[in-house]
Amino acid sequence: MLTSKQGASAILCYGAIDVPLAQPRSLIFGHFFSGLVGVIVATIFQFNLHDDPFPRLQWLAASLATAIALVVMHLTKTTHPPAGATALLPCIDQHIWALRWYFLPVLLLSSAIVLVTALMVNNLQRQYPKFWVAQLPPSPAPKDDQHRHRKPPMAEESSVGSPQRTLSDLESGP
């Protein structure tokens, strides 16, 4: 189960390096916060997945863990889609449930391995990450709209057959 969600994270971090969902902050903290939510929800429901592999309210706990993890990732600006599966795992997998709180260091280690390999592979020919902690805001648009659509001045000494003269003839029409 760990390999499937880390595989999805690897696809994002190796293939879609420009999107905010694939940046280190989202990768590390998205998985960590989702794992934390999953363990807390599974603890609140007091599952014993060794004795009863399919508890009565397992569907509710799994749904709540994923939904709460999505809200937490959105509020902390660490949205990472594969981390939704991270929140689900403590509620449905008895091996992950057996780890309980030790699941969190395993998450951090596996996310760090994906990040380190993404740094090594992606920086051979491209730049990864685009940002580490916070995304840089876009530069403000120019406030003067009159300069954006202004035509460049034409040279007075242009000859009759020049491209500038032909363009102005076409614009003015017959």
N, C-alpha and C. Protein backbone atom coordinates (compact mmCIF):
# COMPACT_ATOMS: atom_id res chain seq x y z
N MET A 1 0.81 -1.20 0.00
CA MET A 1 0.00 0.00 0.00
C MET A 1 0.86 1.26 0.00
N LEU A 2 1.97 1.22 0.73
CA LEU A 2 2.84 2.39 0.76
C LEU A 2 3.42 2.69 -0.62
N THR A 3 3.74 1.63 -1.36
CA THR A 3 4.38 1.86 -2.65
C THR A 3 3.43 2.46 -3.67
N SER A 4 2.15 2.18 -3.60
CA SER A 4 1.23 2.73 -4.60
C SER A 4 1.08 4.24 -4.46
N LYS A 5 0.93 4.73 -3.24
CA LYS A 5 0.80 6.18 -3.07
C LYS A 5 2.12 6.90 -3.30
N GLN A 6 3.23 6.27 -2.92
CA GLN A 6 4.53 6.88 -3.18
C GLN A 6 4.82 6.84 -4.68
N GLY A 7 4.33 5.83 -5.37
CA GLY A 7 4.48 5.78 -6.83
C GLY A 7 3.73 6.93 -7.50
N ALA A 8 2.55 7.22 -7.01
CA ALA A 8 1.79 8.36 -7.54
C ALA A 8 2.50 9.68 -7.22
N SER A 9 3.09 9.77 -6.04
CA SER A 9 3.87 10.97 -5.70
C SER A 9 5.08 11.10 -6.61
N ALA A 10 5.72 9.98 -6.91
CA ALA A 10 6.89 10.01 -7.78
C ALA A 10 6.52 10.48 -9.18
N ILE A 11 5.37 10.05 -9.69
CA ILE A 11 4.92 10.51 -11.02
C ILE A 11 4.77 12.03 -11.02
N LEU A 12 4.18 12.58 -9.97
CA LEU A 12 4.04 14.04 -9.88
C LEU A 12 5.39 14.73 -9.78
N CYS A 13 6.25 14.23 -8.91
CA CYS A 13 7.54 14.89 -8.66
C CYS A 13 8.53 14.73 -9.82
N TYR A 14 8.42 13.69 -10.60
CA TYR A 14 9.34 13.48 -11.72
C TYR A 14 8.77 14.03 -13.02
N GLY A 15 7.45 13.99 -13.18
CA GLY A 15 6.87 14.35 -14.46
C GLY A 15 6.23 15.71 -14.53
N ALA A 16 5.65 16.18 -13.45
CA ALA A 16 4.93 17.46 -13.45
C ALA A 16 5.59 18.41 -12.47
N ILE A 17 6.85 18.73 -12.74
CA ILE A 17 7.64 19.46 -11.75
C ILE A 17 7.26 20.93 -11.61
N ASP A 18 6.46 21.45 -12.53
CA ASP A 18 6.10 22.87 -12.46
C ASP A 18 4.87 23.14 -11.57
N VAL A 19 4.06 22.15 -11.32
CA VAL A 19 2.82 22.38 -10.59
C VAL A 19 3.09 22.46 -9.08
N PRO A 20 2.31 23.28 -8.37
CA PRO A 20 2.50 23.39 -6.92
C PRO A 20 2.26 22.07 -6.17
N LEU A 21 1.45 21.18 -6.73
CA LEU A 21 1.16 19.91 -6.07
C LEU A 21 2.39 19.00 -5.98
N ALA A 22 3.41 19.26 -6.80
CA ALA A 22 4.59 18.41 -6.83
C ALA A 22 5.79 19.02 -6.12
N GLN A 23 5.62 20.14 -5.47
CA GLN A 23 6.73 20.80 -4.80
C GLN A 23 6.99 20.16 -3.43
N PRO A 24 8.20 20.32 -2.89
CA PRO A 24 8.57 19.65 -1.64
C PRO A 24 7.62 19.90 -0.47
N ARG A 25 7.15 21.12 -0.33
CA ARG A 25 6.24 21.43 0.78
C ARG A 25 4.98 20.57 0.71
N SER A 26 4.40 20.46 -0.48
CA SER A 26 3.20 19.65 -0.64
C SER A 26 3.49 18.17 -0.47
N LEU A 27 4.61 17.72 -0.99
CA LEU A 27 4.97 16.30 -0.89
C LEU A 27 5.15 15.87 0.56
N ILE A 28 6.00 16.56 1.29
CA ILE A 28 6.33 16.15 2.66
C ILE A 28 5.16 16.39 3.61
N PHE A 29 4.67 17.63 3.64
CA PHE A 29 3.62 17.96 4.61
C PHE A 29 2.25 17.42 4.22
N GLY A 30 1.99 17.29 2.93
CA GLY A 30 0.72 16.69 2.52
C GLY A 30 0.60 15.26 3.03
N HIS A 31 1.65 14.47 2.84
CA HIS A 31 1.63 13.09 3.34
C HIS A 31 1.61 13.06 4.87
N PHE A 32 2.40 13.92 5.50
CA PHE A 32 2.46 13.90 6.97
C PHE A 32 1.13 14.27 7.60
N PHE A 33 0.53 15.38 7.16
CA PHE A 33 -0.75 15.80 7.73
C PHE A 33 -1.85 14.78 7.45
N SER A 34 -1.83 14.19 6.28
CA SER A 34 -2.85 13.18 5.95
C SER A 34 -2.66 11.92 6.79
N GLY A 35 -1.42 11.51 6.97
CA GLY A 35 -1.17 10.35 7.82
C GLY A 35 -1.57 10.61 9.26
N LEU A 36 -1.29 11.81 9.74
CA LEU A 36 -1.68 12.19 11.10
C LEU A 36 -3.20 12.14 11.25
N VAL A 37 -3.92 12.70 10.30
CA VAL A 37 -5.38 12.68 10.33
C VAL A 37 -5.89 11.24 10.29
N GLY A 38 -5.31 10.41 9.43
CA GLY A 38 -5.74 9.02 9.32
C GLY A 38 -5.55 8.26 10.62
N VAL A 39 -4.41 8.43 11.26
CA VAL A 39 -4.15 7.74 12.53
C VAL A 39 -5.10 8.24 13.62
N ILE A 40 -5.34 9.55 13.66
CA ILE A 40 -6.24 10.11 14.68
C ILE A 40 -7.67 9.58 14.49
N VAL A 41 -8.14 9.57 13.25
CA VAL A 41 -9.51 9.09 12.99
C VAL A 41 -9.62 7.61 13.32
N ALA A 42 -8.65 6.82 12.92
CA ALA A 42 -8.68 5.39 13.23
C ALA A 42 -8.61 5.16 14.74
N THR A 43 -7.88 6.00 15.47
CA THR A 43 -7.80 5.88 16.93
C THR A 43 -9.13 6.27 17.58
N ILE A 44 -9.76 7.31 17.06
CA ILE A 44 -11.06 7.73 17.60
C ILE A 44 -12.10 6.62 17.44
N PHE A 45 -12.10 5.94 16.30
CA PHE A 45 -13.06 4.87 16.06
C PHE A 45 -12.66 3.57 16.77
N GLN A 46 -11.50 3.50 17.35
CA GLN A 46 -11.01 2.38 18.13
C GLN A 46 -11.14 1.04 17.39
N PHE A 47 -10.62 1.04 16.19
CA PHE A 47 -10.63 -0.20 15.41
C PHE A 47 -9.60 -1.18 15.97
N ASN A 48 -9.90 -2.44 15.86
CA ASN A 48 -8.93 -3.49 16.11
C ASN A 48 -8.94 -4.35 14.86
N LEU A 49 -8.16 -3.96 13.88
CA LEU A 49 -8.20 -4.60 12.58
C LEU A 49 -7.60 -6.01 12.59
N HIS A 50 -6.94 -6.40 13.68
CA HIS A 50 -6.42 -7.77 13.76
C HIS A 50 -7.54 -8.75 14.09
N ASP A 51 -8.42 -8.37 15.03
CA ASP A 51 -9.52 -9.26 15.41
C ASP A 51 -10.69 -9.17 14.43
N ASP A 52 -10.98 -7.98 13.96
CA ASP A 52 -12.11 -7.77 13.04
C ASP A 52 -11.59 -6.99 11.83
N PRO A 53 -11.25 -7.67 10.73
CA PRO A 53 -10.65 -6.97 9.59
C PRO A 53 -11.62 -6.02 8.88
N PHE A 54 -12.93 -6.20 9.09
CA PHE A 54 -13.92 -5.32 8.46
C PHE A 54 -14.89 -4.79 9.51
N PRO A 55 -14.46 -3.80 10.29
CA PRO A 55 -15.35 -3.26 11.32
C PRO A 55 -16.59 -2.62 10.71
N ARG A 56 -17.58 -2.47 11.54
CA ARG A 56 -18.90 -2.01 11.08
C ARG A 56 -18.85 -0.60 10.49
N LEU A 57 -18.14 0.30 11.09
CA LEU A 57 -18.11 1.70 10.62
C LEU A 57 -16.80 2.05 9.90
N GLN A 58 -16.17 1.06 9.34
CA GLN A 58 -14.91 1.31 8.63
C GLN A 58 -15.10 2.26 7.46
N TRP A 59 -16.19 2.13 6.74
CA TRP A 59 -16.47 3.00 5.59
C TRP A 59 -16.58 4.46 6.03
N LEU A 60 -17.18 4.70 7.19
CA LEU A 60 -17.33 6.06 7.69
C LEU A 60 -15.98 6.64 8.12
N ALA A 61 -15.19 5.85 8.80
CA ALA A 61 -13.88 6.32 9.25
C ALA A 61 -12.98 6.62 8.05
N ALA A 62 -12.99 5.75 7.06
CA ALA A 62 -12.16 5.97 5.87
C ALA A 62 -12.59 7.23 5.13
N SER A 63 -13.89 7.43 5.00
CA SER A 63 -14.39 8.63 4.31
C SER A 63 -14.06 9.89 5.09
N LEU A 64 -14.26 9.86 6.40
CA LEU A 64 -13.95 11.03 7.22
C LEU A 64 -12.46 11.35 7.21
N ALA A 65 -11.63 10.33 7.29
CA ALA A 65 -10.19 10.57 7.29
C ALA A 65 -9.75 11.24 6.00
N THR A 66 -10.25 10.77 4.87
CA THR A 66 -9.87 11.37 3.59
C THR A 66 -10.41 12.79 3.46
N ALA A 67 -11.66 13.00 3.87
CA ALA A 67 -12.26 14.34 3.76
C ALA A 67 -11.56 15.34 4.68
N ILE A 68 -11.29 14.94 5.91
CA ILE A 68 -10.62 15.84 6.85
C ILE A 68 -9.20 16.13 6.39
N ALA A 69 -8.53 15.12 5.85
CA ALA A 69 -7.17 15.33 5.33
C ALA A 69 -7.18 16.32 4.18
N LEU A 70 -8.19 16.25 3.33
CA LEU A 70 -8.30 17.21 2.22
C LEU A 70 -8.47 18.62 2.75
N VAL A 71 -9.30 18.80 3.75
CA VAL A 71 -9.52 20.12 4.34
C VAL A 71 -8.22 20.63 4.98
N VAL A 72 -7.53 19.77 5.72
CA VAL A 72 -6.28 20.17 6.38
C VAL A 72 -5.23 20.56 5.33
N MET A 73 -5.10 19.77 4.26
CA MET A 73 -4.14 20.10 3.21
C MET A 73 -4.50 21.42 2.54
N HIS A 74 -5.79 21.65 2.33
CA HIS A 74 -6.22 22.90 1.70
C HIS A 74 -5.91 24.10 2.60
N LEU A 75 -6.19 23.97 3.89
CA LEU A 75 -5.95 25.07 4.82
C LEU A 75 -4.46 25.38 4.99
N THR A 76 -3.63 24.36 4.93
CA THR A 76 -2.19 24.56 5.10
C THR A 76 -1.46 24.77 3.77
N LYS A 77 -2.21 24.78 2.68
CA LYS A 77 -1.66 24.96 1.33
C LYS A 77 -0.60 23.89 1.03
N THR A 78 -0.90 22.65 1.41
CA THR A 78 0.01 21.53 1.15
C THR A 78 -0.71 20.42 0.39
N THR A 79 -1.62 20.79 -0.49
CA THR A 79 -2.40 19.79 -1.22
C THR A 79 -1.49 18.93 -2.08
N HIS A 80 -1.61 17.63 -1.89
CA HIS A 80 -0.86 16.64 -2.66
C HIS A 80 -1.81 15.47 -2.88
N PRO A 81 -2.36 15.29 -4.08
CA PRO A 81 -3.41 14.29 -4.30
C PRO A 81 -3.10 12.88 -3.81
N PRO A 82 -1.89 12.33 -4.01
CA PRO A 82 -1.65 10.98 -3.49
C PRO A 82 -1.75 10.89 -1.96
N ALA A 83 -1.69 12.01 -1.28
CA ALA A 83 -1.79 11.98 0.18
C ALA A 83 -3.20 11.63 0.66
N GLY A 84 -4.19 11.71 -0.21
CA GLY A 84 -5.52 11.25 0.16
C GLY A 84 -5.51 9.78 0.52
N ALA A 85 -4.72 8.99 -0.19
CA ALA A 85 -4.59 7.56 0.13
C ALA A 85 -3.85 7.36 1.45
N THR A 86 -2.99 8.29 1.79
CA THR A 86 -2.26 8.20 3.06
C THR A 86 -3.23 8.28 4.23
N ALA A 87 -4.23 9.15 4.15
CA ALA A 87 -5.21 9.27 5.22
C ALA A 87 -6.10 8.04 5.30
N LEU A 88 -6.31 7.40 4.19
CA LEU A 88 -7.18 6.24 4.12
C LEU A 88 -6.55 4.99 4.73
N LEU A 89 -5.25 4.84 4.59
CA LEU A 89 -4.57 3.60 4.97
C LEU A 89 -4.75 3.17 6.43
N PRO A 90 -4.60 4.03 7.43
CA PRO A 90 -4.75 3.55 8.81
C PRO A 90 -6.15 3.01 9.11
N CYS A 91 -7.13 3.41 8.33
CA CYS A 91 -8.51 2.97 8.58
C CYS A 91 -8.84 1.66 7.88
N ILE A 92 -8.06 1.26 6.87
CA ILE A 92 -8.45 0.07 6.11
C ILE A 92 -7.40 -1.03 6.07
N ASP A 93 -6.16 -0.72 6.38
CA ASP A 93 -5.09 -1.72 6.28
C ASP A 93 -4.61 -2.11 7.67
N GLN A 94 -4.69 -3.41 7.97
CA GLN A 94 -4.32 -3.86 9.31
C GLN A 94 -2.82 -3.73 9.58
N HIS A 95 -1.99 -3.79 8.55
CA HIS A 95 -0.54 -3.65 8.76
C HIS A 95 -0.18 -2.20 9.09
N ILE A 96 -0.84 -1.26 8.43
CA ILE A 96 -0.61 0.15 8.74
C ILE A 96 -1.19 0.47 10.12
N TRP A 97 -2.35 -0.10 10.43
CA TRP A 97 -2.95 0.14 11.73
C TRP A 97 -2.05 -0.39 12.85
N ALA A 98 -1.35 -1.48 12.58
CA ALA A 98 -0.45 -2.05 13.58
C ALA A 98 0.71 -1.09 13.89
N LEU A 99 1.11 -0.29 12.91
CA LEU A 99 2.17 0.69 13.15
C LEU A 99 1.70 1.85 14.03
N ARG A 100 0.44 2.21 13.91
CA ARG A 100 -0.18 3.35 14.60
C ARG A 100 0.66 4.61 14.46
N TRP A 101 1.20 5.13 15.55
CA TRP A 101 1.94 6.39 15.49
C TRP A 101 3.28 6.24 14.79
N TYR A 102 3.81 5.03 14.71
CA TYR A 102 5.07 4.80 14.00
C TYR A 102 4.90 4.89 12.49
N PHE A 103 3.66 4.99 12.05
CA PHE A 103 3.37 5.20 10.63
C PHE A 103 3.89 6.56 10.16
N LEU A 104 3.90 7.54 11.03
CA LEU A 104 4.30 8.91 10.65
C LEU A 104 5.79 9.01 10.30
N PRO A 105 6.71 8.45 11.08
CA PRO A 105 8.11 8.49 10.64
C PRO A 105 8.36 7.72 9.35
N VAL A 106 7.60 6.63 9.15
CA VAL A 106 7.73 5.88 7.90
C VAL A 106 7.30 6.76 6.73
N LEU A 107 6.24 7.53 6.92
CA LEU A 107 5.78 8.46 5.88
C LEU A 107 6.84 9.51 5.57
N LEU A 108 7.41 10.09 6.61
CA LEU A 108 8.43 11.11 6.40
C LEU A 108 9.64 10.54 5.67
N LEU A 109 10.04 9.34 6.04
CA LEU A 109 11.19 8.71 5.38
C LEU A 109 10.90 8.41 3.91
N SER A 110 9.74 7.83 3.63
CA SER A 110 9.43 7.50 2.24
C SER A 110 9.25 8.76 1.39
N SER A 111 8.67 9.81 1.97
CA SER A 111 8.53 11.07 1.23
C SER A 111 9.89 11.72 0.99
N ALA A 112 10.78 11.62 1.97
CA ALA A 112 12.13 12.17 1.81
C ALA A 112 12.90 11.43 0.72
N ILE A 113 12.70 10.12 0.63
CA ILE A 113 13.37 9.34 -0.42
C ILE A 113 12.87 9.77 -1.80
N VAL A 114 11.57 9.95 -1.94
CA VAL A 114 11.02 10.43 -3.22
C VAL A 114 11.58 11.81 -3.54
N LEU A 115 11.66 12.68 -2.55
CA LEU A 115 12.17 14.04 -2.77
C LEU A 115 13.64 14.03 -3.18
N VAL A 116 14.46 13.26 -2.51
CA VAL A 116 15.89 13.23 -2.82
C VAL A 116 16.12 12.68 -4.23
N THR A 117 15.42 11.62 -4.59
CA THR A 117 15.60 11.09 -5.95
C THR A 117 15.05 12.06 -6.99
N ALA A 118 13.97 12.77 -6.68
CA ALA A 118 13.45 13.78 -7.61
C ALA A 118 14.45 14.92 -7.79
N LEU A 119 15.12 15.31 -6.71
CA LEU A 119 16.14 16.36 -6.81
C LEU A 119 17.31 15.91 -7.68
N MET A 120 17.74 14.67 -7.52
CA MET A 120 18.87 14.18 -8.31
C MET A 120 18.49 14.01 -9.78
N VAL A 121 17.35 13.43 -10.06
CA VAL A 121 16.95 13.15 -11.44
C VAL A 121 16.55 14.43 -12.18
N ASN A 122 15.74 15.26 -11.54
CA ASN A 122 15.19 16.43 -12.24
C ASN A 122 16.20 17.54 -12.46
N ASN A 123 17.22 17.64 -11.64
CA ASN A 123 18.17 18.73 -11.79
C ASN A 123 19.29 18.43 -12.77
N LEU A 124 19.20 17.30 -13.46
CA LEU A 124 20.17 17.03 -14.52
C LEU A 124 19.94 17.95 -15.73
N GLN A 125 18.67 18.12 -16.11
CA GLN A 125 18.37 18.95 -17.28
C GLN A 125 17.34 20.04 -17.00
N ARG A 126 16.69 20.01 -15.85
CA ARG A 126 15.65 20.99 -15.53
C ARG A 126 15.88 21.50 -14.11
N GLN A 127 14.99 22.39 -13.68
CA GLN A 127 15.10 22.93 -12.32
C GLN A 127 13.95 22.40 -11.46
N TYR A 128 14.29 21.70 -10.41
CA TYR A 128 13.31 21.23 -9.43
C TYR A 128 13.91 21.43 -8.06
N PRO A 129 13.23 21.97 -7.15
CA PRO A 129 11.85 22.43 -7.16
C PRO A 129 11.74 23.87 -7.65
N LYS A 130 10.55 24.26 -8.00
CA LYS A 130 10.31 25.65 -8.39
C LYS A 130 10.28 26.54 -7.15
N PHE A 131 9.85 26.00 -6.03
CA PHE A 131 9.92 26.70 -4.75
C PHE A 131 9.96 25.65 -3.65
N TRP A 132 10.56 26.02 -2.51
CA TRP A 132 10.67 25.08 -1.40
C TRP A 132 9.54 25.24 -0.40
N VAL A 133 9.30 26.44 0.05
CA VAL A 133 8.33 26.65 1.11
C VAL A 133 7.07 27.35 0.61
N ALA A 134 7.23 28.50 -0.01
CA ALA A 134 6.07 29.27 -0.46
C ALA A 134 6.23 29.63 -1.92
N GLN A 135 5.13 29.55 -2.64
CA GLN A 135 5.15 29.90 -4.04
C GLN A 135 5.30 31.41 -4.19
N LEU A 136 6.14 31.82 -5.13
CA LEU A 136 6.33 33.24 -5.37
C LEU A 136 5.11 33.79 -6.07
N PRO A 137 4.61 34.95 -5.63
CA PRO A 137 3.45 35.53 -6.31
C PRO A 137 3.84 36.02 -7.70
N PRO A 138 2.89 36.00 -8.64
CA PRO A 138 3.20 36.49 -9.99
C PRO A 138 3.48 37.99 -9.95
N SER A 139 4.28 38.44 -10.89
CA SER A 139 4.60 39.86 -10.94
C SER A 139 3.35 40.64 -11.34
N PRO A 140 3.18 41.84 -10.76
CA PRO A 140 1.97 42.61 -11.05
C PRO A 140 1.95 43.06 -12.50
N ALA A 141 0.74 43.14 -13.05
CA ALA A 141 0.56 43.57 -14.44
C ALA A 141 0.80 45.08 -14.51
N PRO A 142 1.28 45.56 -15.65
CA PRO A 142 1.48 47.02 -15.78
C PRO A 142 0.14 47.74 -15.67
N LYS A 143 0.19 48.91 -15.00
CA LYS A 143 -1.05 49.65 -14.76
C LYS A 143 -1.46 50.49 -15.95
N ASP A 144 -0.53 50.84 -16.81
CA ASP A 144 -0.85 51.65 -17.99
C ASP A 144 -1.22 50.74 -19.14
N ASP A 145 -2.50 50.69 -19.46
CA ASP A 145 -2.95 49.86 -20.58
C ASP A 145 -2.68 50.56 -21.92
N GLN A 146 -2.53 51.87 -21.92
CA GLN A 146 -2.31 52.58 -23.17
C GLN A 146 -0.97 52.22 -23.80
N HIS A 147 0.02 51.81 -23.00
CA HIS A 147 1.32 51.45 -23.55
C HIS A 147 1.35 50.02 -24.08
N ARG A 148 0.43 49.18 -23.63
CA ARG A 148 0.43 47.79 -24.09
C ARG A 148 -0.01 47.67 -25.53
N HIS A 149 -0.91 48.54 -26.00
CA HIS A 149 -1.45 48.44 -27.35
C HIS A 149 -0.94 49.51 -28.30
N ARG A 150 0.04 50.26 -27.85
CA ARG A 150 0.58 51.33 -28.68
C ARG A 150 1.46 50.75 -29.77
N LYS A 151 1.33 51.25 -30.96
CA LYS A 151 2.15 50.80 -32.09
C LYS A 151 3.53 51.41 -32.00
N PRO A 152 4.55 50.67 -32.40
CA PRO A 152 5.90 51.24 -32.37
C PRO A 152 6.02 52.36 -33.41
N PRO A 153 6.82 53.36 -33.12
CA PRO A 153 6.97 54.46 -34.09
C PRO A 153 7.68 53.96 -35.35
N MET A 154 7.24 54.49 -36.49
CA MET A 154 7.85 54.14 -37.77
C MET A 154 8.99 55.10 -38.08
N ALA A 155 9.99 54.58 -38.70
CA ALA A 155 11.12 55.42 -39.10
C ALA A 155 10.70 56.28 -40.29
N GLU A 156 11.04 57.55 -40.25
CA GLU A 156 10.67 58.48 -41.30
C GLU A 156 11.39 58.20 -42.62
N GLU A 157 12.62 57.71 -42.53
CA GLU A 157 13.40 57.53 -43.73
C GLU A 157 13.24 56.13 -44.32
N SER A 158 12.16 55.42 -44.00
CA SER A 158 11.98 54.08 -44.54
C SER A 158 11.68 54.16 -46.04
N SER A 159 12.18 53.20 -46.75
CA SER A 159 11.98 53.19 -48.20
C SER A 159 10.61 52.62 -48.54
N VAL A 160 10.23 52.73 -49.80
CA VAL A 160 8.90 52.35 -50.25
C VAL A 160 8.67 50.85 -50.11
N GLY A 161 9.62 50.03 -50.36
CA GLY A 161 9.43 48.58 -50.33
C GLY A 161 9.74 47.94 -49.00
N SER A 162 9.97 48.70 -47.94
CA SER A 162 10.36 48.14 -46.65
C SER A 162 9.16 47.43 -45.99
N PRO A 163 9.44 46.50 -45.10
CA PRO A 163 8.35 45.79 -44.41
C PRO A 163 7.47 46.71 -43.58
N GLN A 164 8.05 47.77 -42.98
CA GLN A 164 7.24 48.69 -42.19
C GLN A 164 6.25 49.44 -43.08
N ARG A 165 6.68 49.87 -44.24
CA ARG A 165 5.82 50.60 -45.16
C ARG A 165 4.70 49.71 -45.69
N THR A 166 5.03 48.46 -46.02
CA THR A 166 4.03 47.52 -46.50
C THR A 166 3.00 47.24 -45.44
N LEU A 167 3.43 47.10 -44.21
CA LEU A 167 2.51 46.84 -43.09
C LEU A 167 1.58 48.02 -42.88
N SER A 168 2.10 49.24 -42.95
CA SER A 168 1.24 50.42 -42.75
C SER A 168 0.28 50.57 -43.92
N ASP A 169 0.70 50.21 -45.13
CA ASP A 169 -0.21 50.26 -46.27
C ASP A 169 -1.36 49.26 -46.10
N LEU A 170 -1.04 48.07 -45.58
CA LEU A 170 -2.07 47.06 -45.38
C LEU A 170 -3.04 47.47 -44.29
N GLU A 171 -2.56 48.13 -43.25
CA GLU A 171 -3.41 48.55 -42.16
C GLU A 171 -4.34 49.69 -42.57
N SER A 172 -3.86 50.59 -43.39
CA SER A 172 -4.68 51.73 -43.78
C SER A 172 -5.69 51.37 -44.86
N GLY A 173 -5.40 50.36 -45.64
CA GLY A 173 -6.34 49.92 -46.68
C GLY A 173 -6.26 50.79 -47.92
N PRO A 174 -7.13 50.52 -48.92
CA PRO A 174 -7.09 51.28 -50.19
C PRO A 174 -7.60 52.69 -50.07
